[in-house]
Each structure stands twice: as structure tokens, then as C-alpha cells.
Amino acid sequence: MFSQAGWSASPPVIVVLGDSLSAGFGLQRGEGWVDLLQQRLKQQDYPHRVINASISGDTTGSALARLEQALSHRPAILIVELGGNDGLRGLPLNAMETNLRRIIEQGQRIGAKVLLLGMQIPPNYGPQYTQGFALTYTKLAKQTRTSLVPFFLAGLETRRELFLADMIHPNAQGQPQMLNNVWPALLPMLPPQS
């Protein structure tokens, strides 16, 4: 006879809240780093189910507006990959910081461990904006005691062959490096293997 606990047990959820870099823009189904994350978790016998709540074009503001829906999955872990579109549009950094802070804090409030993926942008808007943009992630991670991947695209930035023609979105060959950038920060959030 099955116990009631056995019936109600469901795998822990990881929600990825991101933009086109996590939504798999320009890729075939199954090629994106989020899909590769699900595969790696399964290969390493983690029970987690990954829900990709990423939408191409999302800013921190639009993601905040739909956060309640993403958190309705009751994630054990929330991976936040946002800000690139804010930066490319030159949106105010204080608004981006406020939005990211609210997303992190609301995730923490429901008991999720939060992993923030840092970004960098081209120097189109001048050094002050570019540096301030990158520092926003470090500052927020410290203030909210959130785990941080300092630069989500580290190791890709000088390798043109790993990008689509737009030179913004990594291609299928670049996706494993994105996962490898996330994995070391995510691993301590996962339960120890028996």
C-alpha cells in the first residue's frame, strides 16, 4: 500500500526567469542551456524539474510583472537571468536594480534559493553606464545575500564562432559554455548526493 506522502511527493522545481539568452532564441528545441541543464541534472541523478519561464525581449520590469506566475510553481531554486535588454535599451540603472531586487526578494520570501546571473554590455552608452551596469549585479548579490555568476557569457565574448549572426545570442555550440558558467554556482544549492 502506498503512503499518502508517496502520492504527494513531487520533484523539486528550478525556475529559470530570463530573456532570449535563456529562452533559446535562434536555437532548435533541446539545444538551449536550460534544456542542457535538465539533461545534466538527470544524468547526475538529481530529481529536479526545470521550468523555463524565459521570454525573448523581457526586461527586468516586464519579468517582474509576470513574476507571480513564475513563482506559482513554488521553485526550490530561482535562477534570474535578466537585465541585458534593459542595458541594450539604455534604461535607467536604478530602475533595473529595483526590479531585480524585488524579483530576488519575492523569490526568497517563498523560500526559494536565488541564483543571479550577471551580465555585461557593450560600451555604447559610455563607460559610466557600462561599469554601473555590471556593478549592479555584484551590489545586489551582496546586499541580498544571493549567489552570483559574475558574467553569464564568460568564455564566449571573444569567440565569434559561438554566436549567431547578430553577435548577441550564442549559438548551439555556445550553449554548453553557458551551462558550465552556471553549474558551479548552482551545485551548492542542490542537495548533497547520497
Protein backbone atom coordinates (compact mmCIF):
# COMPACT_ATOMS: atom_id res chain seq x y z
CA MET A 1 0.00 0.00 0.00
CA PHE A 2 1.27 3.47 -0.94
CA SER A 3 1.60 6.15 1.72
CA GLN A 4 -0.09 9.48 1.24
CA ALA A 5 3.34 11.12 1.35
CA GLY A 6 4.37 8.99 -1.60
CA TRP A 7 1.42 10.25 -3.61
CA SER A 8 2.03 13.90 -2.85
CA ALA A 9 5.82 13.86 -3.28
CA SER A 10 6.81 15.74 -6.39
CA PRO A 11 10.25 16.61 -7.70
CA PRO A 12 11.71 19.95 -6.59
CA VAL A 13 11.42 22.69 -9.19
CA ILE A 14 14.03 25.02 -10.64
CA VAL A 15 12.53 28.04 -12.40
CA VAL A 16 14.68 29.97 -14.87
CA LEU A 17 13.35 33.52 -15.23
CA GLY A 18 15.17 35.08 -18.13
CA ASP A 19 15.16 36.68 -21.54
CA SER A 20 16.17 35.45 -25.01
CA LEU A 21 19.53 34.12 -23.73
CA SER A 22 17.61 31.53 -21.72
CA ALA A 23 14.53 31.24 -23.96
CA GLY A 24 16.62 29.57 -26.67
CA PHE A 25 16.41 32.35 -29.26
CA GLY A 26 17.51 31.07 -32.69
CA LEU A 27 18.01 27.51 -31.48
CA GLN A 28 16.31 24.20 -32.13
CA ARG A 29 14.26 22.68 -29.33
CA GLY A 30 16.53 20.99 -26.82
CA GLU A 31 19.69 22.95 -27.72
CA GLY A 32 19.46 25.78 -25.16
CA TRP A 33 21.42 25.85 -21.94
CA VAL A 34 18.23 25.42 -19.89
CA ASP A 35 17.48 22.16 -21.72
CA LEU A 36 21.09 21.09 -21.21
CA LEU A 37 20.68 21.85 -17.50
CA GLN A 38 17.72 19.48 -17.27
CA GLN A 39 19.76 16.80 -19.04
CA ARG A 40 22.73 17.25 -16.70
CA LEU A 41 20.54 17.09 -13.60
CA LYS A 42 19.03 13.83 -14.85
CA GLN A 43 22.45 12.38 -15.74
CA GLN A 44 23.69 13.16 -12.24
CA ASP A 45 20.57 11.70 -10.59
CA TYR A 46 19.09 14.95 -9.30
CA PRO A 47 15.27 14.75 -9.25
CA HIS A 48 14.72 18.42 -10.09
CA ARG A 49 12.35 19.52 -12.81
CA VAL A 50 13.41 22.65 -14.69
CA ILE A 51 10.72 25.11 -15.79
CA ASN A 52 11.87 27.66 -18.33
CA ALA A 53 9.93 30.87 -17.65
CA SER A 54 12.08 32.92 -20.04
CA ILE A 55 10.68 35.20 -22.74
CA SER A 56 12.69 36.82 -25.52
CA GLY A 57 12.76 40.59 -25.20
CA ASP A 58 11.96 40.63 -21.49
CA THR A 59 13.29 43.50 -19.42
CA THR A 60 13.55 43.36 -15.64
CA GLY A 61 10.30 45.35 -15.49
CA SER A 62 8.29 43.00 -17.72
CA ALA A 63 9.69 39.95 -15.89
CA LEU A 64 8.71 41.49 -12.54
CA ALA A 65 5.18 41.98 -13.86
CA ARG A 66 4.85 38.25 -14.53
CA LEU A 67 6.84 37.05 -11.53
CA GLU A 68 3.80 35.83 -9.62
CA GLN A 69 3.05 33.33 -12.39
CA ALA A 70 6.66 32.06 -12.39
CA LEU A 71 6.65 31.69 -8.60
CA SER A 72 3.35 29.80 -8.67
CA HIS A 73 5.46 26.72 -9.48
CA ARG A 74 6.89 27.01 -5.92
CA PRO A 75 10.51 26.71 -7.03
CA ALA A 76 13.17 25.40 -4.67
CA ILE A 77 15.63 27.38 -6.80
CA LEU A 78 15.02 30.53 -8.86
CA ILE A 79 17.64 31.39 -11.49
CA VAL A 80 17.36 35.04 -12.55
CA GLU A 81 18.89 35.87 -15.95
CA LEU A 82 17.72 39.40 -16.74
CA GLY A 83 19.00 42.89 -17.43
CA GLY A 84 20.54 42.51 -20.87
CA ASN A 85 17.55 44.12 -22.59
CA ASP A 86 17.49 46.93 -20.04
CA GLY A 87 21.14 47.62 -20.88
CA LEU A 88 20.73 47.39 -24.65
CA ARG A 89 17.87 49.91 -24.44
CA GLY A 90 19.79 52.21 -22.11
CA LEU A 91 17.09 52.03 -19.43
CA PRO A 92 17.86 53.65 -16.06
CA LEU A 93 20.12 51.51 -13.91
CA ASN A 94 18.30 52.42 -10.70
CA ALA A 95 15.05 51.02 -12.16
CA MET A 96 16.83 47.84 -13.24
CA GLU A 97 18.32 47.45 -9.77
CA THR A 98 14.95 47.99 -8.08
CA ASN A 99 13.24 45.44 -10.34
CA LEU A 100 15.94 42.81 -9.81
CA ARG A 101 15.87 43.40 -6.06
CA ARG A 102 12.10 42.86 -5.98
CA ILE A 103 12.41 39.67 -8.02
CA ILE A 104 15.13 38.31 -5.72
CA GLU A 105 13.32 39.26 -2.53
CA GLN A 106 9.99 37.81 -3.67
CA GLY A 107 11.75 34.58 -4.58
CA GLN A 108 13.43 34.46 -1.20
CA ARG A 109 10.14 35.23 0.53
CA ILE A 110 8.60 31.97 -0.75
CA GLY A 111 11.68 30.05 0.36
CA ALA A 112 13.48 29.73 -2.97
CA LYS A 113 17.25 29.83 -3.18
CA VAL A 114 18.09 32.52 -5.77
CA LEU A 115 20.94 32.47 -8.26
CA LEU A 116 21.58 35.75 -10.10
CA LEU A 117 23.32 35.61 -13.48
CA GLY A 118 25.37 38.73 -14.09
CA MET A 119 25.68 40.38 -17.48
CA GLN A 120 27.90 42.89 -19.23
CA ILE A 121 27.01 45.14 -22.12
CA PRO A 122 28.89 46.81 -24.98
CA PRO A 123 30.21 50.32 -24.20
CA ASN A 124 27.62 52.05 -26.44
CA TYR A 125 26.27 54.22 -23.60
CA GLY A 126 29.67 55.25 -22.24
CA PRO A 127 31.93 53.87 -19.51
CA GLN A 128 29.87 55.15 -16.58
CA TYR A 129 26.72 53.32 -17.69
CA THR A 130 28.64 50.18 -18.74
CA GLN A 131 30.52 49.91 -15.45
CA GLY A 132 27.45 50.77 -13.40
CA PHE A 133 25.50 48.08 -15.24
CA ALA A 134 27.99 45.32 -14.37
CA LEU A 135 28.36 46.53 -10.78
CA THR A 136 24.59 46.35 -10.24
CA TYR A 137 24.74 42.55 -10.11
CA THR A 138 27.64 42.44 -7.65
CA LYS A 139 25.97 45.01 -5.41
CA LEU A 140 22.62 43.22 -5.41
CA ALA A 141 24.13 39.80 -4.75
CA LYS A 142 25.99 41.17 -1.76
CA GLN A 143 23.05 43.12 -0.34
CA THR A 144 20.52 40.29 -0.77
CA ARG A 145 22.99 37.51 0.08
CA THR A 146 22.29 35.91 -3.26
CA SER A 147 24.59 33.58 -5.17
CA LEU A 148 26.04 35.21 -8.27
CA VAL A 149 27.53 34.15 -11.58
CA PRO A 150 29.57 37.32 -12.26
CA PHE A 151 29.30 37.11 -16.07
CA PHE A 152 26.90 34.62 -17.64
CA LEU A 153 28.66 34.70 -21.03
CA ALA A 154 32.21 34.38 -19.69
CA GLY A 155 34.44 32.48 -22.10
CA LEU A 156 32.23 33.31 -25.08
CA GLU A 157 32.82 37.04 -25.51
CA THR A 158 35.89 36.76 -27.76
CA ARG A 159 34.73 33.74 -29.77
CA ARG A 160 32.62 34.97 -32.68
CA GLU A 161 32.10 31.42 -33.94
CA LEU A 162 29.98 30.66 -30.86
CA PHE A 163 27.39 33.35 -31.68
CA LEU A 164 24.52 33.70 -34.09
CA ALA A 165 24.90 36.30 -36.82
CA ASP A 166 23.53 39.03 -34.50
CA MET A 167 26.62 38.59 -32.23
CA ILE A 168 24.31 38.86 -29.20
CA HIS A 169 22.93 35.35 -28.83
CA PRO A 170 25.20 32.31 -28.50
CA ASN A 171 24.55 29.53 -31.00
CA ALA A 172 24.08 25.84 -30.18
CA GLN A 173 27.85 25.38 -29.85
CA GLY A 174 27.99 28.16 -27.24
CA GLN A 175 25.22 26.80 -25.01
CA PRO A 176 27.34 24.22 -23.11
CA GLN A 177 29.70 27.01 -22.01
CA MET A 178 26.72 28.96 -20.65
CA LEU A 179 25.68 25.93 -18.62
CA ASN A 180 29.26 25.44 -17.43
CA ASN A 181 29.26 29.04 -16.19
CA VAL A 182 26.08 28.44 -14.17
CA TRP A 183 26.77 24.93 -12.85
CA PRO A 184 29.48 25.67 -10.23
CA ALA A 185 27.23 28.30 -8.58
CA LEU A 186 24.14 26.10 -8.81
CA LEU A 187 25.74 22.93 -7.44
CA PRO A 188 25.94 24.11 -3.78
CA MET A 189 22.21 24.85 -3.92
CA LEU A 190 21.38 21.25 -4.81
CA PRO A 191 21.01 18.62 -2.07
CA PRO A 192 24.14 16.57 -1.44
CA GLN A 193 24.21 13.30 -3.33
CA SER A 194 23.96 10.18 -1.19
